[in-house]
Amino acid sequence: MAVRLGGFLFLAVLLSAVDASRPAINQELSNLFNELWRLDVNRLKPGIDYTISVQGRAGFVNQGSHSVLDHASLPLFSNVNENKLRNTTTFSRFMKLLDNYERSTGITERVTPEKLTEINLFLDAVLETQVMKRAHQYLVSKGKSSSDSRQFKNQLNLIWFHLYHRQRNTGPDSCGFEHVFVGETKSGTEIIGFHNWVQFYLQEKNSHLDYKGYKARDQDLPDQDDHVLNLQFSWHGVMKPVGSAFIGTSPEFEMALFTIIFLMNTERSTTVLVNIDQCQMELVVIRQGRCLGTAYPKLLSSNSRHVGVNSH
């Protein structure tokens, strides 16, 4: 009897350990992020404002490899409404920031009055959106941000734009914004960061980037309406074996999500499991001291395929 009971206990512990390895859905953040999703009026709509072609599933590629089988003969983006990007304040000011950074780590970033003005104007535009106003309200309610909008702007500036050392023996060569939204290369053999769809589209349009195909499980194939994609691509001849990005979303939406996760946690690395719209995803945030090191979504399930599967 004792042996049988011991077996049951061992099995129970084993099963609980397996279950514990999968984070539970963060319902509070899921509710909040869906509210932000509904408030994101600047988001571009698939099939109307842009068209993507996901094509084939990309294969396994070792980091640093230059030889890869291309499973996508066409670009990911076949059409984007650039007039809407240019005429939406947060998008237009966001795009002005994309050429402000050195692509390679190890090269000290040069700060100019013009660049600082562009950052300032972008943050002003972001803070005027209902998305960031709601995010600010939530963070104030949790005691993580000041109710003073100027102090909150300074907080966003520190998290996203304060320069720091990503590579030793150099001057400040990186920041959260550059890493997440612009992308960087390391030692000329590795793409790090680069998790933004607008930058992806612009680099692809200018023939600096080659989309190689999507990354997904057999039972969860992406389609042209998905707002999050896991993908593979090369940039200036350097491979990103597995990358990820929101598609169509506004910069204020992405900044709001990752800022909330950053400020609500103190661990160096945080992963939260959330359901947003029809997608289930992990949102990963890694700190670099008081600044953002990296932040990205990882799509687990789309088109509501997770509904009824993950009840926990």
Protein backbone atom coordinates (compact mmCIF):
# COMPACT_ATOMS: atom_id res chain seq x y z
CA MET A 1 0.00 0.00 0.00
CA ALA A 2 2.81 2.39 0.94
CA VAL A 3 4.63 1.59 -2.30
CA ARG A 4 1.48 2.20 -4.37
CA LEU A 5 0.82 5.46 -2.53
CA GLY A 6 4.40 6.52 -3.06
CA GLY A 7 3.98 5.87 -6.79
CA PHE A 8 0.87 8.03 -6.90
CA LEU A 9 2.66 10.80 -5.04
CA PHE A 10 5.62 10.62 -7.41
CA LEU A 11 3.29 10.79 -10.42
CA ALA A 12 1.41 13.73 -8.91
CA VAL A 13 4.62 15.62 -8.27
CA LEU A 14 5.86 14.85 -11.78
CA LEU A 15 2.64 16.05 -13.39
CA SER A 16 2.55 19.20 -11.29
CA ALA A 17 6.16 19.95 -12.26
CA VAL A 18 5.30 19.56 -15.95
CA ASP A 19 2.27 21.84 -15.54
CA ALA A 20 4.34 24.37 -13.60
CA SER A 21 6.76 24.61 -16.50
CA ARG A 22 3.93 26.12 -18.56
CA PRO A 23 3.01 29.58 -17.29
CA ALA A 24 -0.66 30.13 -16.57
CA ILE A 25 -2.62 32.66 -18.57
CA ASN A 26 -2.22 36.10 -17.01
CA GLN A 27 -5.89 37.04 -17.07
CA GLU A 28 -5.44 40.54 -15.68
CA LEU A 29 -2.93 41.49 -18.36
CA SER A 30 -4.95 39.68 -21.03
CA ASN A 31 -7.96 41.83 -20.14
CA LEU A 32 -5.88 45.00 -20.10
CA PHE A 33 -4.07 44.22 -23.37
CA ASN A 34 -7.37 43.46 -25.10
CA GLU A 35 -8.61 46.84 -23.93
CA LEU A 36 -5.47 48.43 -25.41
CA TRP A 37 -6.07 46.40 -28.59
CA ARG A 38 -9.56 47.92 -28.91
CA LEU A 39 -8.15 51.40 -28.26
CA ASP A 40 -5.47 51.00 -30.94
CA VAL A 41 -7.26 53.04 -33.63
CA ASN A 42 -3.98 53.58 -35.51
CA ARG A 43 -3.53 49.85 -36.14
CA LEU A 44 -3.48 48.94 -39.83
CA LYS A 45 -6.08 46.42 -40.99
CA PRO A 46 -5.06 43.26 -42.90
CA GLY A 47 -6.43 43.06 -46.43
CA ILE A 48 -7.28 46.78 -46.35
CA ASP A 49 -4.18 48.69 -45.23
CA TYR A 50 -1.65 45.97 -45.97
CA THR A 51 -1.35 42.51 -47.52
CA ILE A 52 1.10 39.80 -46.49
CA SER A 53 1.99 36.46 -48.06
CA VAL A 54 3.25 33.97 -45.44
CA GLN A 55 4.17 31.32 -48.08
CA GLY A 56 6.20 28.30 -46.87
CA ARG A 57 7.43 27.10 -43.48
CA ALA A 58 11.09 27.92 -42.93
CA GLY A 59 13.53 25.17 -42.01
CA PHE A 60 16.06 24.89 -39.20
CA VAL A 61 19.07 27.17 -39.50
CA ASN A 62 22.07 27.39 -37.20
CA GLN A 63 22.91 30.79 -35.77
CA GLY A 64 25.61 32.39 -37.92
CA SER A 65 24.83 30.27 -40.97
CA HIS A 66 24.82 32.00 -44.37
CA SER A 67 23.40 29.01 -46.22
CA VAL A 68 19.64 28.60 -46.00
CA LEU A 69 16.87 27.20 -48.16
CA ASP A 70 14.44 30.00 -49.05
CA HIS A 71 10.82 28.89 -48.51
CA ALA A 72 9.38 32.24 -49.62
CA SER A 73 10.10 33.39 -53.16
CA LEU A 74 8.02 36.53 -52.67
CA PRO A 75 8.32 39.32 -50.10
CA LEU A 76 6.28 39.03 -46.90
CA PHE A 77 4.59 42.37 -47.59
CA SER A 78 3.03 42.70 -51.04
CA ASN A 79 1.28 45.96 -50.17
CA VAL A 80 1.29 48.56 -47.37
CA ASN A 81 -0.70 51.79 -47.28
CA GLU A 82 2.23 54.17 -46.88
CA ASN A 83 -0.06 57.21 -46.99
CA LYS A 84 -1.67 56.00 -43.77
CA LEU A 85 1.75 55.52 -42.17
CA ARG A 86 2.87 59.01 -43.21
CA ASN A 87 -0.39 60.64 -42.13
CA THR A 88 -0.59 58.96 -38.72
CA THR A 89 1.49 61.03 -36.31
CA THR A 90 2.93 58.22 -34.20
CA PHE A 91 3.87 56.16 -37.27
CA SER A 92 5.42 59.12 -39.14
CA ARG A 93 7.48 60.21 -36.13
CA PHE A 94 8.40 56.58 -35.42
CA MET A 95 9.79 56.14 -38.94
CA LYS A 96 12.03 59.20 -38.53
CA LEU A 97 13.80 57.38 -35.69
CA LEU A 98 14.67 54.28 -37.69
CA ASP A 99 17.80 55.73 -39.34
CA ASN A 100 19.24 57.22 -36.13
CA TYR A 101 21.29 54.22 -35.03
CA GLU A 102 24.45 52.31 -35.92
CA ARG A 103 23.45 48.84 -37.12
CA SER A 104 26.41 47.05 -35.54
CA THR A 105 26.94 46.72 -31.81
CA GLY A 106 30.34 47.85 -30.62
CA ILE A 107 30.08 51.18 -32.44
CA THR A 108 29.34 54.09 -30.12
CA GLU A 109 26.04 55.79 -30.91
CA ARG A 110 26.27 59.45 -31.83
CA VAL A 111 23.74 61.71 -30.10
CA THR A 112 22.75 64.92 -31.89
CA PRO A 113 20.24 67.67 -31.05
CA GLU A 114 18.20 66.59 -34.09
CA LYS A 115 17.95 63.01 -32.85
CA LEU A 116 16.94 64.14 -29.37
CA THR A 117 14.23 66.36 -30.87
CA GLU A 118 12.90 63.43 -32.91
CA ILE A 119 12.72 61.25 -29.78
CA ASN A 120 10.98 64.03 -27.88
CA LEU A 121 8.37 64.56 -30.61
CA PHE A 122 7.74 60.83 -30.91
CA LEU A 123 7.15 60.42 -27.17
CA ASP A 124 4.82 63.45 -27.20
CA ALA A 125 2.74 61.82 -29.95
CA VAL A 126 2.67 58.46 -28.17
CA LEU A 127 1.52 60.05 -24.91
CA GLU A 128 -1.42 61.68 -26.73
CA THR A 129 -2.86 58.31 -27.79
CA GLN A 130 -5.65 56.61 -25.88
CA VAL A 131 -3.53 53.45 -25.81
CA MET A 132 -0.70 55.02 -23.83
CA LYS A 133 -3.08 57.09 -21.68
CA ARG A 134 -4.78 53.87 -20.56
CA ALA A 135 -1.41 52.19 -19.98
CA HIS A 136 -0.30 55.18 -17.90
CA GLN A 137 -3.53 55.05 -15.89
CA TYR A 138 -2.98 51.37 -15.13
CA LEU A 139 0.65 51.88 -14.07
CA VAL A 140 -0.37 54.76 -11.79
CA SER A 141 -3.03 52.55 -10.18
CA LYS A 142 -0.33 49.96 -9.47
CA GLY A 143 2.07 52.53 -8.02
CA LYS A 144 4.60 51.96 -10.80
CA SER A 145 4.43 55.40 -12.45
CA SER A 146 3.80 58.98 -11.41
CA SER A 147 0.47 60.53 -12.38
CA ASP A 148 2.46 63.49 -13.73
CA SER A 149 2.64 63.06 -17.49
CA ARG A 150 6.07 64.75 -17.71
CA GLN A 151 7.53 62.28 -15.22
CA PHE A 152 5.92 59.39 -17.11
CA LYS A 153 7.49 60.70 -20.32
CA ASN A 154 10.88 60.75 -18.60
CA GLN A 155 10.26 57.17 -17.43
CA LEU A 156 9.49 56.05 -20.99
CA ASN A 157 12.58 57.87 -22.24
CA LEU A 158 14.79 56.07 -19.71
CA ILE A 159 13.31 52.63 -20.45
CA TRP A 160 13.38 52.91 -24.24
CA PHE A 161 15.96 55.51 -25.30
CA HIS A 162 18.69 55.69 -22.66
CA LEU A 163 21.93 54.49 -24.26
CA TYR A 164 23.96 51.71 -22.63
CA HIS A 165 26.77 49.24 -23.40
CA ARG A 166 25.62 46.07 -25.15
CA GLN A 167 29.19 45.20 -26.13
CA ARG A 168 32.09 45.75 -23.76
CA ASN A 169 35.09 47.98 -24.41
CA THR A 170 33.03 50.53 -26.37
CA GLY A 171 31.01 53.63 -25.66
CA PRO A 172 27.22 53.37 -25.29
CA ASP A 173 26.18 51.40 -28.37
CA SER A 174 22.56 50.38 -27.85
CA CYS A 175 19.16 51.15 -26.34
CA GLY A 176 15.84 49.37 -25.98
CA PHE A 177 14.21 51.18 -28.88
CA GLU A 178 17.06 50.44 -31.27
CA HIS A 179 17.22 46.78 -30.29
CA VAL A 180 13.48 46.04 -30.44
CA PHE A 181 12.25 48.29 -33.24
CA VAL A 182 15.30 48.88 -35.47
CA GLY A 183 17.43 45.76 -35.02
CA GLU A 184 21.17 45.28 -34.56
CA THR A 185 23.92 42.99 -35.80
CA LYS A 186 26.58 41.43 -33.60
CA SER A 187 30.05 40.57 -34.90
CA GLY A 188 28.63 40.67 -38.43
CA THR A 189 27.23 37.16 -38.02
CA GLU A 190 24.11 37.54 -35.88
CA ILE A 191 20.94 39.64 -35.95
CA ILE A 192 19.77 40.61 -32.49
CA GLY A 193 16.44 42.25 -31.76
CA PHE A 194 14.55 43.47 -34.85
CA HIS A 195 10.95 42.83 -33.82
CA ASN A 196 9.01 45.50 -35.69
CA TRP A 197 6.85 45.09 -38.78
CA VAL A 198 7.29 48.65 -40.14
CA GLN A 199 11.07 48.32 -40.09
CA PHE A 200 10.70 44.87 -41.66
CA TYR A 201 8.55 46.27 -44.47
CA LEU A 202 10.82 49.25 -45.17
CA GLN A 203 13.99 47.13 -45.17
CA GLU A 204 12.31 44.54 -47.41
CA LYS A 205 11.11 47.26 -49.79
CA ASN A 206 14.67 48.61 -50.07
CA SER A 207 16.07 45.09 -50.77
CA HIS A 208 18.06 44.98 -47.53
CA LEU A 209 15.95 42.14 -46.11
CA ASP A 210 14.88 38.77 -47.51
CA TYR A 211 11.96 36.93 -45.93
CA LYS A 212 12.63 33.15 -45.82
CA GLY A 213 9.30 31.81 -44.48
CA TYR A 214 7.24 31.47 -41.31
CA LYS A 215 7.98 29.39 -38.21
CA ALA A 216 5.05 27.47 -36.70
CA ARG A 217 3.86 24.09 -35.50
CA ASP A 218 2.13 21.75 -37.98
CA GLN A 219 -1.29 22.26 -36.43
CA ASP A 220 -1.09 26.04 -36.25
CA LEU A 221 -0.37 27.46 -39.67
CA PRO A 222 -0.43 31.27 -39.93
CA ASP A 223 -2.52 33.22 -42.41
CA GLN A 224 -2.66 36.72 -43.86
CA ASP A 225 -4.89 38.02 -41.04
CA ASP A 226 -2.57 37.10 -38.15
CA HIS A 227 -1.33 40.05 -36.10
CA VAL A 228 1.69 38.16 -34.74
CA LEU A 229 4.15 36.09 -36.78
CA ASN A 230 7.18 33.96 -36.00
CA LEU A 231 9.46 34.21 -39.02
CA GLN A 232 12.89 33.71 -40.54
CA PHE A 233 14.77 36.28 -42.59
CA SER A 234 18.15 37.64 -43.62
CA TRP A 235 19.15 41.30 -43.21
CA HIS A 236 22.18 42.70 -45.02
CA GLY A 237 23.20 39.09 -45.64
CA VAL A 238 23.01 38.07 -41.96
CA MET A 239 20.46 35.39 -40.92
CA LYS A 240 17.82 35.55 -38.19
CA PRO A 241 16.89 31.85 -37.74
CA VAL A 242 13.77 32.65 -35.72
CA GLY A 243 12.34 36.12 -35.24
CA SER A 244 8.94 37.45 -34.26
CA ALA A 245 6.87 40.59 -34.59
CA PHE A 246 3.43 42.05 -34.24
CA ILE A 247 1.97 42.85 -37.67
CA GLY A 248 -0.05 46.01 -38.35
CA THR A 249 -0.01 47.26 -34.77
CA SER A 250 0.91 50.83 -33.86
CA PRO A 251 4.20 51.67 -32.11
CA GLU A 252 2.26 53.00 -29.11
CA PHE A 253 0.48 49.64 -28.68
CA GLU A 254 3.74 47.68 -28.66
CA MET A 255 5.47 50.19 -26.38
CA ALA A 256 2.51 50.14 -23.97
CA LEU A 257 2.48 46.33 -23.65
CA PHE A 258 6.20 45.96 -23.09
CA THR A 259 6.42 48.99 -20.78
CA ILE A 260 3.70 47.55 -18.54
CA ILE A 261 5.43 44.17 -18.31
CA PHE A 262 8.79 45.86 -17.69
CA LEU A 263 7.46 47.99 -14.82
CA MET A 264 5.26 45.32 -13.26
CA ASN A 265 8.18 42.94 -12.79
CA THR A 266 11.67 43.19 -11.32
CA GLU A 267 13.24 39.98 -12.63
CA ARG A 268 15.90 40.28 -15.31
CA SER A 269 13.79 38.11 -17.63
CA THR A 270 9.98 37.99 -17.58
CA THR A 271 7.63 35.91 -19.73
CA VAL A 272 3.86 36.36 -19.52
CA LEU A 273 1.27 34.22 -21.28
CA VAL A 274 -1.66 36.24 -22.63
CA ASN A 275 -4.60 35.99 -25.02
CA ILE A 276 -4.98 39.04 -27.26
CA ASP A 277 -7.77 39.14 -29.83
CA GLN A 278 -7.65 35.67 -31.46
CA CYS A 279 -4.04 34.93 -30.55
CA GLN A 280 -2.35 33.26 -27.61
CA MET A 281 1.23 34.40 -27.15
CA GLU A 282 4.12 34.76 -24.77
CA LEU A 283 5.41 38.27 -24.28
CA VAL A 284 9.08 38.27 -23.27
CA VAL A 285 10.81 41.23 -21.63
CA ILE A 286 14.48 41.27 -20.58
CA ARG A 287 15.96 44.11 -18.57
CA GLN A 288 19.26 45.90 -18.99
CA GLY A 289 19.46 47.52 -15.57
CA ARG A 290 16.83 50.28 -15.48
CA CYS A 291 16.47 50.09 -19.25
CA LEU A 292 14.92 47.63 -21.67
CA GLY A 293 17.27 45.00 -23.06
CA THR A 294 14.81 43.32 -25.41
CA ALA A 295 11.09 42.64 -25.77
CA TYR A 296 9.19 40.50 -28.23
CA PRO A 297 6.05 38.42 -28.78
CA LYS A 298 6.16 34.68 -29.40
CA LEU A 299 3.03 33.37 -31.12
CA LEU A 300 1.73 30.11 -29.67
CA SER A 301 -1.69 29.86 -31.31
CA SER A 302 -3.77 31.97 -33.70
CA ASN A 303 -7.34 32.09 -35.00
CA SER A 304 -8.60 31.14 -31.51
CA ARG A 305 -7.26 27.56 -31.85
CA HIS A 306 -6.19 27.73 -28.18
CA VAL A 307 -9.78 28.26 -26.96
CA GLY A 308 -10.85 25.21 -24.98
CA VAL A 309 -7.35 23.74 -25.13
CA ASN A 310 -5.60 25.87 -22.52
CA SER A 311 -8.20 26.28 -19.81
CA HIS A 312 -5.58 27.09 -17.19
